Amino acid sequence: MSTAVVIVGSIAIVVISVLVYAILAVFFPEWVGITGKVALDAEQSHNEGAEAKTHPMDKF
């Protein structure tokens, strides 16, 4: 009985972890190491003659 509980618990932890990672990857890609919109905007602002977009953190 206890072996089954450990196996089911382990599978549940893996499934929940994958779901949390997928949700973070969609809504906050920079948090999980994916180049998101903010990073792409920063890269494009380095092009010759391009202007950087304002970011909410700029006022801090």
PDB file of N, CA and C in Angstrom:
ATOM      1  N   MET A   1       0.821  -1.201   0.000  1.00  0.00           N
ATOM      2  CA  MET A   1       0.000   0.000   0.000  1.00  0.00           C
ATOM      3  C   MET A   1       0.858   1.255   0.000  1.00  0.00           C
ATOM      4  N   SER A   2       1.882   1.324   0.826  1.00  0.00           N
ATOM      5  CA  SER A   2       2.687   2.538   0.907  1.00  0.00           C
ATOM      6  C   SER A   2       3.508   2.765  -0.362  1.00  0.00           C
ATOM      7  N   THR A   3       3.879   1.669  -1.049  1.00  0.00           N
ATOM      8  CA  THR A   3       4.620   1.824  -2.301  1.00  0.00           C
ATOM      9  C   THR A   3       3.747   2.496  -3.352  1.00  0.00           C
ATOM     10  N   ALA A   4       2.487   2.118  -3.412  1.00  0.00           N
ATOM     11  CA  ALA A   4       1.566   2.723  -4.368  1.00  0.00           C
ATOM     12  C   ALA A   4       1.369   4.206  -4.072  1.00  0.00           C
ATOM     13  N   VAL A   5       1.317   4.564  -2.808  1.00  0.00           N
ATOM     14  CA  VAL A   5       1.146   5.968  -2.431  1.00  0.00           C
ATOM     15  C   VAL A   5       2.359   6.783  -2.860  1.00  0.00           C
ATOM     16  N   VAL A   6       3.548   6.225  -2.686  1.00  0.00           N
ATOM     17  CA  VAL A   6       4.769   6.921  -3.092  1.00  0.00           C
ATOM     18  C   VAL A   6       4.808   7.098  -4.604  1.00  0.00           C
ATOM     19  N   ILE A   7       4.438   6.075  -5.349  1.00  0.00           N
ATOM     20  CA  ILE A   7       4.455   6.165  -6.816  1.00  0.00           C
ATOM     21  C   ILE A   7       3.428   7.188  -7.300  1.00  0.00           C
ATOM     22  N   VAL A   8       2.220   7.124  -6.780  1.00  0.00           N
ATOM     23  CA  VAL A   8       1.173   8.069  -7.189  1.00  0.00           C
ATOM     24  C   VAL A   8       1.561   9.489  -6.786  1.00  0.00           C
ATOM     25  N   GLY A   9       2.120   9.661  -5.592  1.00  0.00           N
ATOM     26  CA  GLY A   9       2.560  10.983  -5.157  1.00  0.00           C
ATOM     27  C   GLY A   9       3.663  11.541  -6.029  1.00  0.00           C
ATOM     28  N   SER A  10       4.604  10.681  -6.418  1.00  0.00           N
ATOM     29  CA  SER A  10       5.700  11.117  -7.284  1.00  0.00           C
ATOM     30  C   SER A  10       5.179  11.551  -8.649  1.00  0.00           C
ATOM     31  N   ILE A  11       4.260  10.772  -9.194  1.00  0.00           N
ATOM     32  CA  ILE A  11       3.679  11.131 -10.497  1.00  0.00           C
ATOM     33  C   ILE A  11       2.906  12.443 -10.382  1.00  0.00           C
ATOM     34  N   ALA A  12       2.185  12.625  -9.294  1.00  0.00           N
ATOM     35  CA  ALA A  12       1.417  13.862  -9.106  1.00  0.00           C
ATOM     36  C   ALA A  12       2.346  15.071  -9.019  1.00  0.00           C
ATOM     37  N   ILE A  13       3.456  14.933  -8.316  1.00  0.00           N
ATOM     38  CA  ILE A  13       4.416  16.043  -8.205  1.00  0.00           C
ATOM     39  C   ILE A  13       5.001  16.389  -9.564  1.00  0.00           C
ATOM     40  N   VAL A  14       5.336  15.387 -10.358  1.00  0.00           N
ATOM     41  CA  VAL A  14       5.891  15.636 -11.693  1.00  0.00           C
ATOM     42  C   VAL A  14       4.865  16.342 -12.575  1.00  0.00           C
ATOM     43  N   VAL A  15       3.626  15.865 -12.564  1.00  0.00           N
ATOM     44  CA  VAL A  15       2.582  16.464 -13.398  1.00  0.00           C
ATOM     45  C   VAL A  15       2.331  17.909 -12.983  1.00  0.00           C
ATOM     46  N   ILE A  16       2.233  18.167 -11.698  1.00  0.00           N
ATOM     47  CA  ILE A  16       2.007  19.536 -11.212  1.00  0.00           C
ATOM     48  C   ILE A  16       3.188  20.435 -11.576  1.00  0.00           C
ATOM     49  N   SER A  17       4.406  19.926 -11.451  1.00  0.00           N
ATOM     50  CA  SER A  17       5.591  20.722 -11.795  1.00  0.00           C
ATOM     51  C   SER A  17       5.604  21.093 -13.272  1.00  0.00           C
ATOM     52  N   VAL A  18       5.256  20.154 -14.122  1.00  0.00           N
ATOM     53  CA  VAL A  18       5.228  20.428 -15.565  1.00  0.00           C
ATOM     54  C   VAL A  18       4.149  21.457 -15.882  1.00  0.00           C
ATOM     55  N   LEU A  19       3.002  21.349 -15.245  1.00  0.00           N
ATOM     56  CA  LEU A  19       1.930  22.322 -15.484  1.00  0.00           C
ATOM     57  C   LEU A  19       2.332  23.723 -15.024  1.00  0.00           C
ATOM     58  N   VAL A  20       2.952  23.821 -13.865  1.00  0.00           N
ATOM     59  CA  VAL A  20       3.405  25.127 -13.375  1.00  0.00           C
ATOM     60  C   VAL A  20       4.437  25.724 -14.320  1.00  0.00           C
ATOM     61  N   TYR A  21       5.385  24.898 -14.799  1.00  0.00           N
ATOM     62  CA  TYR A  21       6.395  25.383 -15.737  1.00  0.00           C
ATOM     63  C   TYR A  21       5.736  25.868 -17.030  1.00  0.00           C
ATOM     64  N   ALA A  22       4.766  25.114 -17.535  1.00  0.00           N
ATOM     65  CA  ALA A  22       4.093  25.500 -18.782  1.00  0.00           C
ATOM     66  C   ALA A  22       3.349  26.823 -18.611  1.00  0.00           C
ATOM     67  N   ILE A  23       2.694  26.992 -17.470  1.00  0.00           N
ATOM     68  CA  ILE A  23       1.970  28.248 -17.220  1.00  0.00           C
ATOM     69  C   ILE A  23       2.949  29.417 -17.133  1.00  0.00           C
ATOM     70  N   LEU A  24       4.060  29.230 -16.423  1.00  0.00           N
ATOM     71  CA  LEU A  24       5.068  30.288 -16.344  1.00  0.00           C
ATOM     72  C   LEU A  24       5.673  30.583 -17.711  1.00  0.00           C
ATOM     73  N   ALA A  25       5.886  29.556 -18.521  1.00  0.00           N
ATOM     74  CA  ALA A  25       6.465  29.750 -19.846  1.00  0.00           C
ATOM     75  C   ALA A  25       5.550  30.577 -20.744  1.00  0.00           C
ATOM     76  N   VAL A  26       4.256  30.450 -20.552  1.00  0.00           N
ATOM     77  CA  VAL A  26       3.315  31.207 -21.380  1.00  0.00           C
ATOM     78  C   VAL A  26       3.199  32.648 -20.900  1.00  0.00           C
ATOM     79  N   PHE A  27       3.053  32.845 -19.596  1.00  0.00           N
ATOM     80  CA  PHE A  27       2.770  34.176 -19.075  1.00  0.00           C
ATOM     81  C   PHE A  27       4.014  34.969 -18.669  1.00  0.00           C
ATOM     82  N   PHE A  28       5.070  34.308 -18.225  1.00  0.00           N
ATOM     83  CA  PHE A  28       6.297  34.971 -17.791  1.00  0.00           C
ATOM     84  C   PHE A  28       7.512  34.242 -18.371  1.00  0.00           C
ATOM     85  N   PRO A  29       7.720  34.314 -19.684  1.00  0.00           N
ATOM     86  CA  PRO A  29       8.783  33.518 -20.303  1.00  0.00           C
ATOM     87  C   PRO A  29      10.185  33.846 -19.802  1.00  0.00           C
ATOM     88  N   GLU A  30      10.435  35.117 -19.435  1.00  0.00           N
ATOM     89  CA  GLU A  30      11.769  35.469 -18.967  1.00  0.00           C
ATOM     90  C   GLU A  30      12.107  34.785 -17.647  1.00  0.00           C
ATOM     91  N   TRP A  31      11.099  34.466 -16.854  1.00  0.00           N
ATOM     92  CA  TRP A  31      11.325  33.821 -15.556  1.00  0.00           C
ATOM     93  C   TRP A  31      11.887  32.414 -15.712  1.00  0.00           C
ATOM     94  N   VAL A  32      11.581  31.755 -16.822  1.00  0.00           N
ATOM     95  CA  VAL A  32      12.027  30.373 -17.018  1.00  0.00           C
ATOM     96  C   VAL A  32      13.096  30.266 -18.103  1.00  0.00           C
ATOM     97  N   GLY A  33      13.695  31.386 -18.482  1.00  0.00           N
ATOM     98  CA  GLY A  33      14.812  31.361 -19.416  1.00  0.00           C
ATOM     99  C   GLY A  33      14.435  31.381 -20.877  1.00  0.00           C
ATOM    100  N   ILE A  34      13.216  31.761 -21.187  1.00  0.00           N
ATOM    101  CA  ILE A  34      12.778  31.853 -22.576  1.00  0.00           C
ATOM    102  C   ILE A  34      12.810  33.321 -22.976  1.00  0.00           C
ATOM    103  N   THR A  35      13.331  33.613 -24.153  1.00  0.00           N
ATOM    104  CA  THR A  35      13.385  34.994 -24.611  1.00  0.00           C
ATOM    105  C   THR A  35      11.969  35.444 -24.941  1.00  0.00           C
ATOM    106  N   GLY A  36      11.478  36.345 -24.152  1.00  0.00           N
ATOM    107  CA  GLY A  36      10.119  36.837 -24.338  1.00  0.00           C
ATOM    108  C   GLY A  36      10.083  38.177 -25.032  1.00  0.00           C
ATOM    109  N   LYS A  37       8.925  38.813 -24.988  1.00  0.00           N
ATOM    110  CA  LYS A  37       8.706  40.075 -25.682  1.00  0.00           C
ATOM    111  C   LYS A  37       9.621  41.179 -25.158  1.00  0.00           C
ATOM    112  N   VAL A  38       9.821  41.236 -23.854  1.00  0.00           N
ATOM    113  CA  VAL A  38      10.660  42.284 -23.270  1.00  0.00           C
ATOM    114  C   VAL A  38      12.101  42.161 -23.775  1.00  0.00           C
ATOM    115  N   ALA A  39      12.632  40.950 -23.787  1.00  0.00           N
ATOM    116  CA  ALA A  39      13.997  40.749 -24.247  1.00  0.00           C
ATOM    117  C   ALA A  39      14.127  41.032 -25.743  1.00  0.00           C
ATOM    118  N   LEU A  40      13.137  40.647 -26.519  1.00  0.00           N
ATOM    119  CA  LEU A  40      13.187  40.923 -27.956  1.00  0.00           C
ATOM    120  C   LEU A  40      13.125  42.422 -28.228  1.00  0.00           C
ATOM    121  N   ASP A  41      12.300  43.148 -27.453  1.00  0.00           N
ATOM    122  CA  ASP A  41      12.251  44.604 -27.603  1.00  0.00           C
ATOM    123  C   ASP A  41      13.600  45.230 -27.253  1.00  0.00           C
ATOM    124  N   ALA A  42      14.257  44.712 -26.220  1.00  0.00           N
ATOM    125  CA  ALA A  42      15.569  45.232 -25.830  1.00  0.00           C
ATOM    126  C   ALA A  42      16.597  44.986 -26.924  1.00  0.00           C
ATOM    127  N   GLU A  43      16.559  43.813 -27.526  1.00  0.00           N
ATOM    128  CA  GLU A  43      17.499  43.522 -28.611  1.00  0.00           C
ATOM    129  C   GLU A  43      17.246  44.431 -29.810  1.00  0.00           C
ATOM    130  N   GLN A  44      15.986  44.643 -30.147  1.00  0.00           N
ATOM    131  CA  GLN A  44      15.663  45.478 -31.303  1.00  0.00           C
ATOM    132  C   GLN A  44      16.026  46.940 -31.053  1.00  0.00           C
ATOM    133  N   SER A  45      16.018  47.375 -29.797  1.00  0.00           N
ATOM    134  CA  SER A  45      16.355  48.764 -29.517  1.00  0.00           C
ATOM    135  C   SER A  45      17.842  49.032 -29.733  1.00  0.00           C
ATOM    136  N   HIS A  46      18.644  47.978 -29.831  1.00  0.00           N
ATOM    137  CA  HIS A  46      20.072  48.151 -30.075  1.00  0.00           C
ATOM    138  C   HIS A  46      20.392  48.359 -31.551  1.00  0.00           C
ATOM    139  N   ASN A  47      19.400  48.182 -32.401  1.00  0.00           N
ATOM    140  CA  ASN A  47      19.618  48.411 -33.827  1.00  0.00           C
ATOM    141  C   ASN A  47      19.866  49.896 -34.085  1.00  0.00           C
ATOM    142  N   GLU A  48      20.616  50.178 -35.112  1.00  0.00           N
ATOM    143  CA  GLU A  48      20.963  51.549 -35.467  1.00  0.00           C
ATOM    144  C   GLU A  48      19.705  52.356 -35.754  1.00  0.00           C
ATOM    145  N   GLY A  49      19.515  53.465 -35.046  1.00  0.00           N
ATOM    146  CA  GLY A  49      18.394  54.364 -35.295  1.00  0.00           C
ATOM    147  C   GLY A  49      17.093  53.966 -34.627  1.00  0.00           C
ATOM    148  N   ALA A  50      17.077  52.877 -33.901  1.00  0.00           N
ATOM    149  CA  ALA A  50      15.841  52.430 -33.254  1.00  0.00           C
ATOM    150  C   ALA A  50      15.710  53.080 -31.884  1.00  0.00           C
ATOM    151  N   GLU A  51      14.485  53.299 -31.484  1.00  0.00           N
ATOM    152  CA  GLU A  51      14.204  53.881 -30.163  1.00  0.00           C
ATOM    153  C   GLU A  51      13.693  52.792 -29.234  1.00  0.00           C
ATOM    154  N   ALA A  52      14.137  52.818 -28.008  1.00  0.00           N
ATOM    155  CA  ALA A  52      13.693  51.828 -27.029  1.00  0.00           C
ATOM    156  C   ALA A  52      12.289  52.160 -26.556  1.00  0.00           C
ATOM    157  N   LYS A  53      11.472  51.123 -26.397  1.00  0.00           N
ATOM    158  CA  LYS A  53      10.130  51.313 -25.865  1.00  0.00           C
ATOM    159  C   LYS A  53      10.229  51.521 -24.357  1.00  0.00           C
ATOM    160  N   THR A  54       9.279  52.259 -23.808  1.00  0.00           N
ATOM    161  CA  THR A  54       9.292  52.471 -22.366  1.00  0.00           C
ATOM    162  C   THR A  54       8.850  51.195 -21.667  1.00  0.00           C
ATOM    163  N   HIS A  55       9.444  50.955 -20.530  1.00  0.00           N
ATOM    164  CA  HIS A  55       9.145  49.758 -19.744  1.00  0.00           C
ATOM    165  C   HIS A  55       8.652  50.224 -18.388  1.00  0.00           C
ATOM    166  N   PRO A  56       7.715  49.498 -17.781  1.00  0.00           N
ATOM    167  CA  PRO A  56       7.191  49.930 -16.472  1.00  0.00           C
ATOM    168  C   PRO A  56       8.270  50.079 -15.398  1.00  0.00           C
ATOM    169  N   MET A  57       9.357  49.339 -15.486  1.00  0.00           N
ATOM    170  CA  MET A  57      10.419  49.430 -14.485  1.00  0.00           C
ATOM    171  C   MET A  57      11.324  50.633 -14.700  1.00  0.00           C
ATOM    172  N   ASP A  58      11.190  51.349 -15.807  1.00  0.00           N
ATOM    173  CA  ASP A  58      12.057  52.500 -16.089  1.00  0.00           C
ATOM    174  C   ASP A  58      11.870  53.617 -15.061  1.00  0.00           C
ATOM    175  N   LYS A  59      10.696  53.740 -14.474  1.00  0.00           N
ATOM    176  CA  LYS A  59      10.448  54.832 -13.532  1.00  0.00           C
ATOM    177  C   LYS A  59      11.075  54.590 -12.162  1.00  0.00           C
ATOM    178  N   PHE A  60      11.573  53.380 -11.912  1.00  0.00           N
ATOM    179  CA  PHE A  60      12.228  53.085 -10.633  1.00  0.00           C
ATOM    180  C   PHE A  60      13.649  53.439 -10.766  1.00  0.00           C
TER     181      PHE A  60
END
